Protein backbone atom coordinates (compact mmCIF):
# COMPACT_ATOMS: atom_id res chain seq x y z
CA MET A 1 -8.45 -2.41 -6.05
CA LEU A 2 -5.21 -1.05 -7.36
CA ASP A 3 -4.97 1.43 -10.17
CA PRO A 4 -4.97 -0.35 -13.57
CA GLN A 5 -2.15 1.91 -14.74
CA ASN A 6 0.03 0.66 -11.89
CA LEU A 7 -0.74 -2.92 -12.86
CA GLU A 8 0.13 -2.20 -16.48
CA SER A 9 3.38 -0.59 -15.41
CA LEU A 10 4.31 -3.57 -13.23
CA ALA A 11 3.41 -6.01 -16.00
CA ARG A 12 5.57 -4.01 -18.42
CA GLN A 13 8.48 -4.10 -15.98
CA LEU A 14 8.17 -7.85 -15.68
CA GLN A 15 8.06 -8.20 -19.44
CA ASN A 16 11.17 -6.00 -19.82
CA ALA A 17 13.05 -8.23 -17.38
CA LEU A 18 12.57 -11.26 -19.64
CA PRO A 19 15.19 -12.47 -22.12
CA GLN A 20 14.87 -11.12 -25.66
CA SER A 21 13.55 -14.43 -27.01
CA LEU A 22 10.58 -14.25 -24.65
CA LYS A 23 10.00 -10.54 -25.26
CA ASN A 24 8.99 -11.37 -28.81
CA VAL A 25 5.82 -12.93 -27.47
CA GLY A 26 4.74 -9.33 -26.90
CA SER A 27 1.36 -8.16 -25.79
CA ASP A 28 0.00 -11.65 -25.07
CA LEU A 29 2.57 -12.11 -22.35
CA GLU A 30 1.94 -8.63 -20.96
CA GLU A 31 -1.79 -9.33 -20.84
CA LYS A 32 -1.19 -12.63 -19.03
CA PHE A 33 1.02 -10.85 -16.49
CA LYS A 34 -1.75 -8.32 -15.85
CA GLN A 35 -4.32 -11.07 -15.40
CA ILE A 36 -2.12 -12.98 -12.97
CA LEU A 37 -1.27 -9.83 -11.01
CA GLN A 38 -4.92 -8.80 -10.78
CA ALA A 39 -5.94 -12.27 -9.62
CA GLN A 40 -3.22 -12.40 -6.96
CA LEU A 41 -3.83 -8.85 -5.74
CA ALA A 42 -7.56 -9.51 -5.50
CA LYS A 43 -6.76 -12.23 -2.95
CA LEU A 44 -4.94 -9.78 -0.68
CA ASP A 45 -6.75 -7.91 2.06
CA ILE A 46 -5.70 -4.42 1.00
CA VAL A 47 -7.40 -1.05 0.73
CA THR A 48 -6.97 1.72 -1.77
CA ARG A 49 -5.00 4.83 -0.90
CA GLU A 50 -8.27 6.79 -0.95
CA GLU A 51 -9.88 4.45 1.59
CA PHE A 52 -6.77 4.68 3.75
CA GLU A 53 -6.83 8.49 3.67
CA VAL A 54 -10.54 8.58 4.57
CA GLN A 55 -9.99 6.27 7.54
CA SER A 56 -6.96 8.31 8.63
CA GLN A 57 -9.13 11.44 8.72
CA VAL A 58 -11.84 9.62 10.69
CA LEU A 59 -9.20 8.48 13.18
CA LEU A 60 -7.81 12.00 13.49
CA ARG A 61 -11.27 13.46 14.23
CA THR A 62 -11.92 10.70 16.75
CA ARG A 63 -8.63 11.43 18.49
CA GLU A 64 -9.48 15.14 18.66
CA LYS A 65 -12.87 14.35 20.22
CA LEU A 66 -11.23 12.01 22.70
CA ILE A 67 -8.79 14.73 23.78
CA VAL A 68 -11.69 17.14 24.36
CA LEU A 69 -13.61 14.53 26.33
CA GLU A 70 -10.57 13.67 28.45
CA ALA A 71 -10.05 17.35 29.25
CA ARG A 72 -13.71 17.69 30.23
CA LEU A 73 -13.47 14.60 32.41
CA ASP A 74 -10.39 16.05 34.13
CA GLN A 75 -12.33 19.28 34.79
CA LEU A 76 -15.22 17.36 36.30
CA ALA A 77 -12.86 15.28 38.43
CA GLU A 78 -11.30 18.46 39.87
CA GLN A 79 -14.64 19.90 40.96
CA PRO A 80 -15.45 19.32 44.61
CA VAL A 81 -18.07 16.73 45.25
CA GLU A 82 -21.13 18.16 46.94
CA GLN A 83 -22.20 16.16 49.96
CA PRO A 84 -25.91 15.81 50.43
CA SER A 85 -27.04 17.74 53.49
CA THR A 86 -28.57 15.76 56.29
CA PRO A 87 -31.90 17.07 57.64
């Protein structure tokens, strides 16, 4: 889920964009904005930045292993194939 501080900031920005007459409603409106934003964001298929970074590191390690395996496969492919001797 997203950082609650980010949601509060976004809700505050929305509230600040309202006409002065609606701004007087105050914290009730800000709270409603937060609730609506949280509900809508919960419906999205998103990951946190931390989860993204973890998966990026996993992918990087997997790529490194793949490079090593490809190099090893190339080495094996270059070796001459031994033919079985016929008795």
